[in-house]
Amino acid sequence: TTTSDDNNNNNSNAVRNFFQPGSGPTVIIETNEPSDEIYASAITRTISWVLAAALFGLGIFLSVGEDSANEFFAGYLVEQSLSVDNLFVFLLLFDYFKVPLKNQDRVLNYGIYGAIVMRATMIGLGTVALREYDGVLLLFAGILIYSSANVLINMGNDEEDEEDMSENSIVKFSKKLFDATDEFDGNQFFTMIDGVKKATPLFICLVAVEISDVVFAVDSIPAVFGVTENPLIVFSSNMFAIMGLRSLYTILSKAAQDLEYLEPAVAVVLGFIGSKMVAEYFGIHIPTELSLGVVLTFLSGGIGLSVFTKNLREQELEQGQQDKNK
């Protein structure tokens, strides 16, 4: 009987865990499982969420039509690509606050839950604003074009690569919000110091993660509105991208530095979407199929060029070692 009850509890927990963001779902970093197996597991979970998004898009295609499905896929791809920059900032924050690996998962969980609520609110406000004021479209376009130009103009500037996080405005602001201690208390967000309740570095890191997501949403929400003004498509593409963030984080913690051409590729896509919004404001319609094609071409090209360059460098390094040993 005890065995049967334990099995039922395990099955119940498994079902409940499946609907948490980022997998089915938890990246259990405190396990003794080799890091390569954790990495492979995260890839499997990420693929699962991508397949779920594809099935949802297929459902839209069958129930609503091809145009809406193309809009969903274009919006989803844009959101996923923008998540790379977001997650790279998470890596920097975890490193700065010295968050133990076993506690990073908790910050990611709460961060994703907060992102869902915050983005749903922003999407709702954006939808109302677009319906009431057509000029908001130009504001969104301006944000995207500025972001695109800023990245492309500063591509050769390596000074930003070694940012001092202690001088980061988000980190400074987060530290000022709460009376905090420098000591961790397990996975607790707050602890008692001499009878006074204080925030732990884990909580300050969470606040910084949430604020950074708000900053990134300033780009990502207008980007999807540039693809479609259908609130269902905007919301669903955002949610599917967010739900895969946690397992994607595990992958990017190992691969982020290798995707050097993804950021400029995303910048080109943002510039295209911003230009598309301006054109459509003045009555020039750009087909969704073309938008999806541009998004796919540049994002896949950025990833492909990054992988090719990485492999080429490794081959040159290996050849150099062989020549040296001769």
C-alpha atoms as a PDB file:
ATOM      1  CA  THR A   1       0.000   0.000   0.000  1.00  0.00           C
ATOM      2  CA  THR A   2       2.818   2.353   0.880  1.00  0.00           C
ATOM      3  CA  THR A   3       4.491   1.647  -2.454  1.00  0.00           C
ATOM      4  CA  SER A   4       1.260   2.351  -4.309  1.00  0.00           C
ATOM      5  CA  ASP A   5       0.771   5.651  -2.451  1.00  0.00           C
ATOM      6  CA  ASP A   6       4.362   6.670  -3.160  1.00  0.00           C
ATOM      7  CA  ASN A   7       3.909   5.906  -6.869  1.00  0.00           C
ATOM      8  CA  ASN A   8       0.707   7.958  -6.965  1.00  0.00           C
ATOM      9  CA  ASN A   9       2.449  10.872  -5.261  1.00  0.00           C
ATOM     10  CA  ASN A  10       5.364  10.638  -7.697  1.00  0.00           C
ATOM     11  CA  ASN A  11       2.995  10.576 -10.679  1.00  0.00           C
ATOM     12  CA  SER A  12       1.096  13.546  -9.277  1.00  0.00           C
ATOM     13  CA  ASN A  13       4.323  15.501  -8.794  1.00  0.00           C
ATOM     14  CA  ALA A  14       5.458  14.637 -12.325  1.00  0.00           C
ATOM     15  CA  VAL A  15       2.208  15.917 -13.814  1.00  0.00           C
ATOM     16  CA  ARG A  16       2.359  19.074 -11.725  1.00  0.00           C
ATOM     17  CA  ASN A  17       6.015  19.682 -12.648  1.00  0.00           C
ATOM     18  CA  PHE A  18       5.333  19.329 -16.378  1.00  0.00           C
ATOM     19  CA  PHE A  19       3.337  22.546 -16.410  1.00  0.00           C
ATOM     20  CA  GLN A  20       6.062  24.620 -14.767  1.00  0.00           C
ATOM     21  CA  PRO A  21       7.978  26.900 -17.153  1.00  0.00           C
ATOM     22  CA  GLY A  22      11.174  25.750 -18.738  1.00  0.00           C
ATOM     23  CA  SER A  23      10.805  22.023 -19.187  1.00  0.00           C
ATOM     24  CA  GLY A  24       8.810  19.391 -17.869  1.00  0.00           C
ATOM     25  CA  PRO A  25      10.614  21.287 -16.121  1.00  0.00           C
ATOM     26  CA  THR A  26      13.277  21.701 -13.464  1.00  0.00           C
ATOM     27  CA  VAL A  27      16.970  21.879 -14.290  1.00  0.00           C
ATOM     28  CA  ILE A  28      18.217  20.108 -11.164  1.00  0.00           C
ATOM     29  CA  ILE A  29      21.724  21.483 -10.968  1.00  0.00           C
ATOM     30  CA  GLU A  30      22.452  20.050  -7.504  1.00  0.00           C
ATOM     31  CA  THR A  31      22.333  16.506  -8.860  1.00  0.00           C
ATOM     32  CA  ASN A  32      25.438  14.362  -9.238  1.00  0.00           C
ATOM     33  CA  GLU A  33      24.565  13.940 -12.900  1.00  0.00           C
ATOM     34  CA  PRO A  34      27.506  14.848 -15.166  1.00  0.00           C
ATOM     35  CA  SER A  35      27.305  18.341 -16.661  1.00  0.00           C
ATOM     36  CA  ASP A  36      27.168  16.946 -20.207  1.00  0.00           C
ATOM     37  CA  GLU A  37      24.055  14.949 -19.283  1.00  0.00           C
ATOM     38  CA  ILE A  38      22.437  18.036 -17.731  1.00  0.00           C
ATOM     39  CA  TYR A  39      23.252  19.925 -20.930  1.00  0.00           C
ATOM     40  CA  ALA A  40      21.766  17.139 -23.085  1.00  0.00           C
ATOM     41  CA  SER A  41      18.674  17.037 -20.875  1.00  0.00           C
ATOM     42  CA  ALA A  42      18.184  20.790 -21.249  1.00  0.00           C
ATOM     43  CA  ILE A  43      18.441  20.444 -25.033  1.00  0.00           C
ATOM     44  CA  THR A  44      15.731  17.758 -24.925  1.00  0.00           C
ATOM     45  CA  ARG A  45      13.438  19.998 -22.868  1.00  0.00           C
ATOM     46  CA  THR A  46      14.058  22.979 -25.122  1.00  0.00           C
ATOM     47  CA  ILE A  47      13.226  20.895 -28.188  1.00  0.00           C
ATOM     48  CA  SER A  48      10.046  19.748 -26.428  1.00  0.00           C
ATOM     49  CA  TRP A  49       8.914  23.344 -25.950  1.00  0.00           C
ATOM     50  CA  VAL A  50       9.815  24.200 -29.536  1.00  0.00           C
ATOM     51  CA  LEU A  51       7.695  21.253 -30.705  1.00  0.00           C
ATOM     52  CA  ALA A  52       4.854  22.420 -28.461  1.00  0.00           C
ATOM     53  CA  ALA A  53       5.057  25.863 -30.068  1.00  0.00           C
ATOM     54  CA  ALA A  54       5.076  24.249 -33.519  1.00  0.00           C
ATOM     55  CA  LEU A  55       1.957  22.234 -32.665  1.00  0.00           C
ATOM     56  CA  PHE A  56       0.252  25.376 -31.396  1.00  0.00           C
ATOM     57  CA  GLY A  57       1.165  27.157 -34.634  1.00  0.00           C
ATOM     58  CA  LEU A  58      -0.223  24.210 -36.594  1.00  0.00           C
ATOM     59  CA  GLY A  59      -3.430  24.514 -34.585  1.00  0.00           C
ATOM     60  CA  ILE A  60      -3.646  28.198 -35.528  1.00  0.00           C
ATOM     61  CA  PHE A  61      -3.050  27.275 -39.176  1.00  0.00           C
ATOM     62  CA  LEU A  62      -5.883  24.716 -39.150  1.00  0.00           C
ATOM     63  CA  SER A  63      -8.361  26.790 -37.153  1.00  0.00           C
ATOM     64  CA  VAL A  64      -7.634  30.385 -38.179  1.00  0.00           C
ATOM     65  CA  GLY A  65      -5.540  30.351 -41.334  1.00  0.00           C
ATOM     66  CA  GLU A  66      -2.078  30.566 -42.869  1.00  0.00           C
ATOM     67  CA  ASP A  67      -1.501  34.280 -42.275  1.00  0.00           C
ATOM     68  CA  SER A  68      -2.110  34.023 -38.524  1.00  0.00           C
ATOM     69  CA  ALA A  69       0.103  30.935 -38.302  1.00  0.00           C
ATOM     70  CA  ASN A  70       2.932  32.744 -40.106  1.00  0.00           C
ATOM     71  CA  GLU A  71       2.524  35.680 -37.748  1.00  0.00           C
ATOM     72  CA  PHE A  72       2.769  33.344 -34.754  1.00  0.00           C
ATOM     73  CA  PHE A  73       5.933  31.647 -36.008  1.00  0.00           C
ATOM     74  CA  ALA A  74       7.578  34.965 -36.925  1.00  0.00           C
ATOM     75  CA  GLY A  75       6.740  36.431 -33.513  1.00  0.00           C
ATOM     76  CA  TYR A  76       7.926  33.292 -31.719  1.00  0.00           C
ATOM     77  CA  LEU A  77      11.262  33.262 -33.558  1.00  0.00           C
ATOM     78  CA  VAL A  78      11.842  36.941 -32.795  1.00  0.00           C
ATOM     79  CA  GLU A  79      11.078  36.407 -29.100  1.00  0.00           C
ATOM     80  CA  GLN A  80      13.330  33.354 -28.831  1.00  0.00           C
ATOM     81  CA  SER A  81      16.237  35.146 -30.478  1.00  0.00           C
ATOM     82  CA  LEU A  82      15.833  38.182 -28.236  1.00  0.00           C
ATOM     83  CA  SER A  83      15.887  35.830 -25.230  1.00  0.00           C
ATOM     84  CA  VAL A  84      19.542  35.078 -25.933  1.00  0.00           C
ATOM     85  CA  ASP A  85      20.606  38.588 -24.893  1.00  0.00           C
ATOM     86  CA  ASN A  86      18.265  38.414 -21.900  1.00  0.00           C
ATOM     87  CA  LEU A  87      19.700  35.136 -20.666  1.00  0.00           C
ATOM     88  CA  PHE A  88      23.264  36.317 -21.191  1.00  0.00           C
ATOM     89  CA  VAL A  89      22.514  39.157 -18.761  1.00  0.00           C
ATOM     90  CA  PHE A  90      21.185  36.533 -16.304  1.00  0.00           C
ATOM     91  CA  LEU A  91      24.570  34.796 -16.544  1.00  0.00           C
ATOM     92  CA  LEU A  92      26.369  38.040 -15.713  1.00  0.00           C
ATOM     93  CA  LEU A  93      24.037  38.721 -12.774  1.00  0.00           C
ATOM     94  CA  PHE A  94      24.472  35.224 -11.328  1.00  0.00           C
ATOM     95  CA  ASP A  95      28.226  35.601 -11.625  1.00  0.00           C
ATOM     96  CA  TYR A  96      28.249  39.066 -10.030  1.00  0.00           C
ATOM     97  CA  PHE A  97      26.053  38.075  -7.059  1.00  0.00           C
ATOM     98  CA  LYS A  98      27.939  34.758  -6.733  1.00  0.00           C
ATOM     99  CA  VAL A  99      24.667  32.816  -6.757  1.00  0.00           C
ATOM    100  CA  PRO A 100      25.381  29.103  -6.120  1.00  0.00           C
ATOM    101  CA  LEU A 101      24.427  26.832  -9.017  1.00  0.00           C
ATOM    102  CA  LYS A 102      21.899  24.943  -6.907  1.00  0.00           C
ATOM    103  CA  ASN A 103      20.024  28.208  -6.178  1.00  0.00           C
ATOM    104  CA  GLN A 104      20.014  29.664  -9.689  1.00  0.00           C
ATOM    105  CA  ASP A 105      17.038  27.529 -10.676  1.00  0.00           C
ATOM    106  CA  ARG A 106      14.839  29.157  -8.020  1.00  0.00           C
ATOM    107  CA  VAL A 107      15.686  32.642  -9.266  1.00  0.00           C
ATOM    108  CA  LEU A 108      14.917  31.561 -12.835  1.00  0.00           C
ATOM    109  CA  ASN A 109      11.550  30.104 -11.767  1.00  0.00           C
ATOM    110  CA  TYR A 110      10.372  33.274 -10.053  1.00  0.00           C
ATOM    111  CA  GLY A 111      11.901  35.380 -12.790  1.00  0.00           C
ATOM    112  CA  ILE A 112       9.900  33.546 -15.445  1.00  0.00           C
ATOM    113  CA  TYR A 113       6.665  33.769 -13.438  1.00  0.00           C
ATOM    114  CA  GLY A 114       7.228  37.505 -13.035  1.00  0.00           C
ATOM    115  CA  ALA A 115       7.994  37.852 -16.756  1.00  0.00           C
ATOM    116  CA  ILE A 116       4.703  36.160 -17.645  1.00  0.00           C
ATOM    117  CA  VAL A 117       2.666  38.568 -15.507  1.00  0.00           C
ATOM    118  CA  MET A 118       4.626  41.629 -16.588  1.00  0.00           C
ATOM    119  CA  ARG A 119       4.539  40.842 -20.313  1.00  0.00           C
ATOM    120  CA  ALA A 120       0.843  39.971 -20.238  1.00  0.00           C
ATOM    121  CA  THR A 121       0.221  43.407 -18.694  1.00  0.00           C
ATOM    122  CA  MET A 122       2.419  45.177 -21.255  1.00  0.00           C
ATOM    123  CA  ILE A 123       0.774  43.326 -24.151  1.00  0.00           C
ATOM    124  CA  GLY A 124      -2.671  44.319 -22.867  1.00  0.00           C
ATOM    125  CA  LEU A 125      -1.649  47.962 -22.566  1.00  0.00           C
ATOM    126  CA  GLY A 126       0.047  47.876 -25.968  1.00  0.00           C
ATOM    127  CA  THR A 127      -3.054  46.427 -27.613  1.00  0.00           C
ATOM    128  CA  VAL A 128      -5.283  49.153 -26.143  1.00  0.00           C
ATOM    129  CA  ALA A 129      -2.789  51.857 -27.105  1.00  0.00           C
ATOM    130  CA  LEU A 130      -2.581  50.659 -30.722  1.00  0.00           C
ATOM    131  CA  ARG A 131      -6.375  50.552 -31.040  1.00  0.00           C
ATOM    132  CA  GLU A 132      -6.805  54.038 -29.605  1.00  0.00           C
ATOM    133  CA  TYR A 133      -3.743  55.801 -31.059  1.00  0.00           C
ATOM    134  CA  ASP A 134      -2.298  54.817 -34.439  1.00  0.00           C
ATOM    135  CA  GLY A 135       0.773  56.932 -33.749  1.00  0.00           C
ATOM    136  CA  VAL A 136       1.926  54.415 -31.114  1.00  0.00           C
ATOM    137  CA  LEU A 137       2.979  52.235 -34.061  1.00  0.00           C
ATOM    138  CA  LEU A 138       5.603  54.822 -34.997  1.00  0.00           C
ATOM    139  CA  LEU A 139       6.816  54.944 -31.389  1.00  0.00           C
ATOM    140  CA  PHE A 140       7.288  51.165 -31.372  1.00  0.00           C
ATOM    141  CA  ALA A 141       9.031  51.370 -34.749  1.00  0.00           C
ATOM    142  CA  GLY A 142      11.383  54.058 -33.460  1.00  0.00           C
ATOM    143  CA  ILE A 143      12.359  51.895 -30.465  1.00  0.00           C
ATOM    144  CA  LEU A 144      13.189  48.953 -32.736  1.00  0.00           C
ATOM    145  CA  ILE A 145      15.123  50.979 -35.306  1.00  0.00           C
ATOM    146  CA  TYR A 146      17.122  52.721 -32.575  1.00  0.00           C
ATOM    147  CA  SER A 147      17.948  49.396 -30.888  1.00  0.00           C
ATOM    148  CA  SER A 148      18.977  47.910 -34.217  1.00  0.00           C
ATOM    149  CA  ALA A 149      21.193  50.837 -35.154  1.00  0.00           C
ATOM    150  CA  ASN A 150      22.772  50.924 -31.688  1.00  0.00           C
ATOM    151  CA  VAL A 151      23.859  47.271 -31.924  1.00  0.00           C
ATOM    152  CA  LEU A 152      25.093  47.462 -35.507  1.00  0.00           C
ATOM    153  CA  ILE A 153      27.023  50.716 -35.002  1.00  0.00           C
ATOM    154  CA  ASN A 154      28.778  49.366 -31.895  1.00  0.00           C
ATOM    155  CA  MET A 155      29.554  45.917 -33.322  1.00  0.00           C
ATOM    156  CA  GLY A 156      33.302  46.506 -33.330  1.00  0.00           C
ATOM    157  CA  ASN A 157      33.360  48.014 -29.850  1.00  0.00           C
ATOM    158  CA  ASP A 158      34.782  45.460 -27.425  1.00  0.00           C
ATOM    159  CA  GLU A 159      34.610  47.723 -24.371  1.00  0.00           C
ATOM    160  CA  GLU A 160      31.117  46.506 -23.486  1.00  0.00           C
ATOM    161  CA  ASP A 161      32.287  42.880 -23.318  1.00  0.00           C
ATOM    162  CA  GLU A 162      33.876  43.429 -19.898  1.00  0.00           C
ATOM    163  CA  GLU A 163      31.107  45.428 -18.228  1.00  0.00           C
ATOM    164  CA  ASP A 164      31.638  46.113 -14.536  1.00  0.00           C
ATOM    165  CA  MET A 165      28.369  44.868 -13.063  1.00  0.00           C
ATOM    166  CA  SER A 166      28.982  46.813  -9.849  1.00  0.00           C
ATOM    167  CA  GLU A 167      28.489  49.965 -11.954  1.00  0.00           C
ATOM    168  CA  ASN A 168      25.437  48.603 -13.781  1.00  0.00           C
ATOM    169  CA  SER A 169      22.420  50.870 -13.203  1.00  0.00           C
ATOM    170  CA  ILE A 170      20.039  47.920 -12.755  1.00  0.00           C
ATOM    171  CA  VAL A 171      22.279  46.332 -10.104  1.00  0.00           C
ATOM    172  CA  LYS A 172      22.677  49.648  -8.270  1.00  0.00           C
ATOM    173  CA  PHE A 173      18.931  50.310  -8.309  1.00  0.00           C
ATOM    174  CA  SER A 174      18.140  46.789  -7.075  1.00  0.00           C
ATOM    175  CA  LYS A 175      20.511  47.142  -4.133  1.00  0.00           C
ATOM    176  CA  LYS A 176      18.906  50.446  -3.090  1.00  0.00           C
ATOM    177  CA  LEU A 177      15.390  49.010  -2.954  1.00  0.00           C
ATOM    178  CA  PHE A 178      15.909  46.715   0.040  1.00  0.00           C
ATOM    179  CA  ASP A 179      17.964  46.494   3.210  1.00  0.00           C
ATOM    180  CA  ALA A 180      20.174  43.526   2.332  1.00  0.00           C
ATOM    181  CA  THR A 181      22.948  41.364   3.712  1.00  0.00           C
ATOM    182  CA  ASP A 182      25.939  40.002   1.808  1.00  0.00           C
ATOM    183  CA  GLU A 183      25.395  36.504   3.220  1.00  0.00           C
ATOM    184  CA  PHE A 184      23.301  33.764   1.589  1.00  0.00           C
ATOM    185  CA  ASP A 185      20.847  31.767   3.704  1.00  0.00           C
ATOM    186  CA  GLY A 186      20.394  28.618   1.620  1.00  0.00           C
ATOM    187  CA  ASN A 187      17.734  29.263  -1.005  1.00  0.00           C
ATOM    188  CA  GLN A 188      15.910  31.847   1.121  1.00  0.00           C
ATOM    189  CA  PHE A 189      15.141  35.295  -0.243  1.00  0.00           C
ATOM    190  CA  PHE A 190      15.089  36.845   3.249  1.00  0.00           C
ATOM    191  CA  THR A 191      16.912  36.109   6.501  1.00  0.00           C
ATOM    192  CA  MET A 192      16.988  37.426  10.066  1.00  0.00           C
ATOM    193  CA  ILE A 193      20.123  39.336  11.133  1.00  0.00           C
ATOM    194  CA  ASP A 194      20.145  40.439  14.808  1.00  0.00           C
ATOM    195  CA  GLY A 195      16.357  40.345  14.840  1.00  0.00           C
ATOM    196  CA  VAL A 196      16.076  42.389  11.636  1.00  0.00           C
ATOM    197  CA  LYS A 197      14.657  40.892   8.464  1.00  0.00           C
ATOM    198  CA  LYS A 198      16.993  41.497   5.532  1.00  0.00           C
ATOM    199  CA  ALA A 199      17.046  40.501   1.881  1.00  0.00           C
ATOM    200  CA  THR A 200      19.688  37.994   0.829  1.00  0.00           C
ATOM    201  CA  PRO A 201      21.825  38.401  -2.321  1.00  0.00           C
ATOM    202  CA  LEU A 202      19.540  35.784  -3.895  1.00  0.00           C
ATOM    203  CA  PHE A 203      16.567  38.148  -3.638  1.00  0.00           C
ATOM    204  CA  ILE A 204      18.527  41.179  -4.865  1.00  0.00           C
ATOM    205  CA  CYS A 205      19.622  39.094  -7.848  1.00  0.00           C
ATOM    206  CA  LEU A 206      15.956  38.172  -8.499  1.00  0.00           C
ATOM    207  CA  VAL A 207      14.978  41.852  -8.432  1.00  0.00           C
ATOM    208  CA  ALA A 208      17.774  42.650 -10.895  1.00  0.00           C
ATOM    209  CA  VAL A 209      16.621  39.795 -13.156  1.00  0.00           C
ATOM    210  CA  GLU A 210      13.036  41.102 -13.137  1.00  0.00           C
ATOM    211  CA  ILE A 211      14.103  44.681 -13.875  1.00  0.00           C
ATOM    212  CA  SER A 212      16.380  43.553 -16.702  1.00  0.00           C
ATOM    213  CA  ASP A 213      13.461  41.628 -18.221  1.00  0.00           C
ATOM    214  CA  VAL A 214      11.363  44.819 -18.157  1.00  0.00           C
ATOM    215  CA  VAL A 215      14.169  46.601 -20.018  1.00  0.00           C
ATOM    216  CA  PHE A 216      14.370  43.837 -22.632  1.00  0.00           C
ATOM    217  CA  ALA A 217      10.577  43.790 -22.999  1.00  0.00           C
ATOM    218  CA  VAL A 218      10.798  47.368 -24.278  1.00  0.00           C
ATOM    219  CA  ASP A 219      12.335  45.837 -27.418  1.00  0.00           C
ATOM    220  CA  SER A 220      10.596  42.471 -27.563  1.00  0.00           C
ATOM    221  CA  ILE A 221       6.959  43.533 -27.134  1.00  0.00           C
ATOM    222  CA  PRO A 222       7.071  46.177 -29.911  1.00  0.00           C
ATOM    223  CA  ALA A 223       8.922  43.651 -32.102  1.00  0.00           C
ATOM    224  CA  VAL A 224       6.012  41.199 -31.987  1.00  0.00           C
ATOM    225  CA  PHE A 225       3.491  44.006 -32.458  1.00  0.00           C
ATOM    226  CA  GLY A 226       5.501  44.822 -35.582  1.00  0.00           C
ATOM    227  CA  VAL A 227       4.697  41.342 -36.873  1.00  0.00           C
ATOM    228  CA  THR A 228       1.021  41.329 -35.863  1.00  0.00           C
ATOM    229  CA  GLU A 229      -1.441  43.395 -33.867  1.00  0.00           C
ATOM    230  CA  ASN A 230      -3.504  40.325 -32.959  1.00  0.00           C
ATOM    231  CA  PRO A 231      -3.248  40.178 -29.125  1.00  0.00           C
ATOM    232  CA  LEU A 232      -3.689  36.388 -29.070  1.00  0.00           C
ATOM    233  CA  ILE A 233      -0.730  35.887 -31.407  1.00  0.00           C
ATOM    234  CA  VAL A 234       1.408  38.420 -29.538  1.00  0.00           C
ATOM    235  CA  PHE A 235       0.623  36.852 -26.151  1.00  0.00           C
ATOM    236  CA  SER A 236       0.968  33.209 -27.211  1.00  0.00           C
ATOM    237  CA  SER A 237       4.279  33.749 -29.052  1.00  0.00           C
ATOM    238  CA  ASN A 238       5.654  35.524 -25.971  1.00  0.00           C
ATOM    239  CA  MET A 239       4.444  32.823 -23.597  1.00  0.00           C
ATOM    240  CA  PHE A 240       5.918  29.936 -25.588  1.00  0.00           C
ATOM    241  CA  ALA A 241       9.247  31.741 -25.795  1.00  0.00           C
ATOM    242  CA  ILE A 242       9.233  32.494 -22.052  1.00  0.00           C
ATOM    243  CA  MET A 243       8.213  28.966 -21.051  1.00  0.00           C
ATOM    244  CA  GLY A 244      11.352  27.592 -22.651  1.00  0.00           C
ATOM    245  CA  LEU A 245      13.681  30.125 -21.049  1.00  0.00           C
ATOM    246  CA  ARG A 246      14.829  28.033 -18.110  1.00  0.00           C
ATOM    247  CA  SER A 247      16.095  25.061 -20.090  1.00  0.00           C
ATOM    248  CA  LEU A 248      17.412  27.449 -22.743  1.00  0.00           C
ATOM    249  CA  TYR A 249      19.435  29.140 -19.991  1.00  0.00           C
ATOM    250  CA  THR A 250      21.233  25.874 -19.262  1.00  0.00           C
ATOM    251  CA  ILE A 251      22.184  25.554 -22.924  1.00  0.00           C
ATOM    252  CA  LEU A 252      23.279  29.160 -23.301  1.00  0.00           C
ATOM    253  CA  SER A 253      25.382  29.037 -20.144  1.00  0.00           C
ATOM    254  CA  LYS A 254      27.591  26.725 -22.189  1.00  0.00           C
ATOM    255  CA  ALA A 255      27.074  28.110 -25.691  1.00  0.00           C
ATOM    256  CA  ALA A 256      26.318  31.848 -25.392  1.00  0.00           C
ATOM    257  CA  GLN A 257      29.856  32.935 -26.193  1.00  0.00           C
ATOM    258  CA  ASP A 258      29.838  30.865 -29.381  1.00  0.00           C
ATOM    259  CA  LEU A 259      26.850  32.686 -30.923  1.00  0.00           C
ATOM    260  CA  GLU A 260      28.790  35.841 -31.764  1.00  0.00           C
ATOM    261  CA  TYR A 261      26.844  36.641 -34.948  1.00  0.00           C
ATOM    262  CA  LEU A 262      23.366  36.092 -33.509  1.00  0.00           C
ATOM    263  CA  GLU A 263      23.138  39.535 -31.912  1.00  0.00           C
ATOM    264  CA  PRO A 264      23.831  41.472 -35.142  1.00  0.00           C
ATOM    265  CA  ALA A 265      21.424  39.129 -36.955  1.00  0.00           C
ATOM    266  CA  VAL A 266      18.724  39.952 -34.391  1.00  0.00           C
ATOM    267  CA  ALA A 267      19.556  43.648 -34.798  1.00  0.00           C
ATOM    268  CA  VAL A 268      18.952  43.414 -38.556  1.00  0.00           C
ATOM    269  CA  VAL A 269      15.630  41.660 -37.907  1.00  0.00           C
ATOM    270  CA  LEU A 270      14.585  44.393 -35.450  1.00  0.00           C
ATOM    271  CA  GLY A 271      15.512  47.040 -37.991  1.00  0.00           C
ATOM    272  CA  PHE A 272      13.466  45.273 -40.652  1.00  0.00           C
ATOM    273  CA  ILE A 273      10.431  44.962 -38.363  1.00  0.00           C
ATOM    274  CA  GLY A 274      10.703  48.612 -37.358  1.00  0.00           C
ATOM    275  CA  SER A 275      10.872  49.646 -41.018  1.00  0.00           C
ATOM    276  CA  LYS A 276       7.898  47.381 -41.765  1.00  0.00           C
ATOM    277  CA  MET A 277       5.875  49.158 -39.075  1.00  0.00           C
ATOM    278  CA  VAL A 278       6.683  52.555 -40.565  1.00  0.00           C
ATOM    279  CA  ALA A 279       5.752  51.351 -44.059  1.00  0.00           C
ATOM    280  CA  GLU A 280       2.440  49.897 -42.888  1.00  0.00           C
ATOM    281  CA  TYR A 281       1.617  53.080 -40.973  1.00  0.00           C
ATOM    282  CA  PHE A 282       1.791  54.900 -44.314  1.00  0.00           C
ATOM    283  CA  GLY A 283      -0.334  52.257 -46.038  1.00  0.00           C
ATOM    284  CA  ILE A 284       2.354  50.048 -47.608  1.00  0.00           C
ATOM    285  CA  HIS A 285       1.498  46.434 -46.847  1.00  0.00           C
ATOM    286  CA  ILE A 286       4.333  43.933 -46.431  1.00  0.00           C
ATOM    287  CA  PRO A 287       3.209  40.264 -46.651  1.00  0.00           C
ATOM    288  CA  THR A 288       3.593  38.148 -43.517  1.00  0.00           C
ATOM    289  CA  GLU A 289       5.312  35.463 -45.611  1.00  0.00           C
ATOM    290  CA  LEU A 290       8.063  37.957 -46.481  1.00  0.00           C
ATOM    291  CA  SER A 291       8.458  38.948 -42.822  1.00  0.00           C
ATOM    292  CA  LEU A 292       8.727  35.306 -41.762  1.00  0.00           C
ATOM    293  CA  GLY A 293      11.256  34.664 -44.531  1.00  0.00           C
ATOM    294  CA  VAL A 294      13.436  37.598 -43.445  1.00  0.00           C
ATOM    295  CA  VAL A 295      13.307  36.504 -39.792  1.00  0.00           C
ATOM    296  CA  LEU A 296      14.194  32.895 -40.646  1.00  0.00           C
ATOM    297  CA  THR A 297      16.967  33.853 -43.073  1.00  0.00           C
ATOM    298  CA  PHE A 298      18.829  36.236 -40.793  1.00  0.00           C
ATOM    299  CA  LEU A 299      18.426  34.260 -37.561  1.00  0.00           C
ATOM    300  CA  SER A 300      19.471  30.960 -39.122  1.00  0.00           C
ATOM    301  CA  GLY A 301      22.269  32.768 -40.956  1.00  0.00           C
ATOM    302  CA  GLY A 302      23.547  34.327 -37.713  1.00  0.00           C
ATOM    303  CA  ILE A 303      23.557  30.978 -35.922  1.00  0.00           C
ATOM    304  CA  GLY A 304      25.060  29.142 -38.885  1.00  0.00           C
ATOM    305  CA  LEU A 305      27.839  31.715 -39.368  1.00  0.00           C
ATOM    306  CA  SER A 306      28.611  31.589 -35.628  1.00  0.00           C
ATOM    307  CA  VAL A 307      28.942  27.796 -35.677  1.00  0.00           C
ATOM    308  CA  PHE A 308      31.012  27.884 -38.885  1.00  0.00           C
ATOM    309  CA  THR A 309      33.385  30.507 -37.461  1.00  0.00           C
ATOM    310  CA  LYS A 310      33.773  28.572 -34.200  1.00  0.00           C
ATOM    311  CA  ASN A 311      34.598  25.347 -36.043  1.00  0.00           C
ATOM    312  CA  LEU A 312      37.026  27.168 -38.350  1.00  0.00           C
ATOM    313  CA  ARG A 313      38.875  28.651 -35.377  1.00  0.00           C
ATOM    314  CA  GLU A 314      39.089  25.251 -33.694  1.00  0.00           C
ATOM    315  CA  GLN A 315      40.483  23.710 -36.887  1.00  0.00           C
ATOM    316  CA  GLU A 316      43.067  26.493 -37.223  1.00  0.00           C
ATOM    317  CA  LEU A 317      44.045  26.063 -33.564  1.00  0.00           C
ATOM    318  CA  GLU A 318      44.361  22.308 -34.002  1.00  0.00           C
ATOM    319  CA  GLN A 319      46.394  22.741 -37.175  1.00  0.00           C
ATOM    320  CA  GLY A 320      48.627  25.216 -35.395  1.00  0.00           C
ATOM    321  CA  GLN A 321      49.268  22.726 -32.604  1.00  0.00           C
ATOM    322  CA  GLN A 322      50.087  20.017 -35.124  1.00  0.00           C
ATOM    323  CA  ASP A 323      52.508  22.295 -36.970  1.00  0.00           C
ATOM    324  CA  LYS A 324      54.107  23.242 -33.655  1.00  0.00           C
ATOM    325  CA  ASN A 325      54.620  19.604 -32.699  1.00  0.00           C
ATOM    326  CA  LYS A 326      56.313  18.760 -35.992  1.00  0.00           C
END
